[in-house]
Amino acid sequence: MPQARNASQTVSLARSAFSYKPVLLHLKSLYYDAHAFKETMVDVPTLAHPTGSQRFPCAETVLGVGATHDVVVSVIDGRGKENRFLVVCQIGAHLPVNRPLLKLAPDVAWAGSVLIMKMGQRLPFVGMSSMDKADAILAVFKFINACDGPELPTFIQA
């Protein structure tokens, strides 16, 4: 004999039928740590839908808590193909000057750490290969040179 369910049990059952358990990915990304001497490749924990169509990078696990800003930067590689990168940076007056970025752009004293993630053609975020590193460096260079006023950009076109 079927059991009677109240409304909250029905809603709960419906939610569980359509919910999914996210998959945890670790996507290689380029990291300019303000406390380091050079940039490094790091794994960024990323929650993903099991089908892979949606990905949510957890940049805070690398950058730490606090105010951040993100911007999509588009660059053209050596073959003429457009690549997009998500640049996530810490913002705040109390942050130390980023020494690795001083090597990249000596005339810009950028404060705070910067994380660069590669955006895919079919997927929102993908792991960065060693071949993508030069384009990622170009993306962060374009970003820090575009930040010359009080407003931080949200998109930088190639």
Foldseek 3Di string as FASTA:
>chain_A
DDDDDDPVVVVVVVCVVPDADWDWFWAWWWKQAQPDQAIDTGTWIWTAGPVQQAIHTDCCVVQPDADKAWAKEWDQDPVRDIWIKIKIWHDDPPFAFRNNVCVVPVVFRDGTMIIIFTQDPRHGGHHDDPVCVVVSSVRVVVQSVVPPDPDHDRYHYD
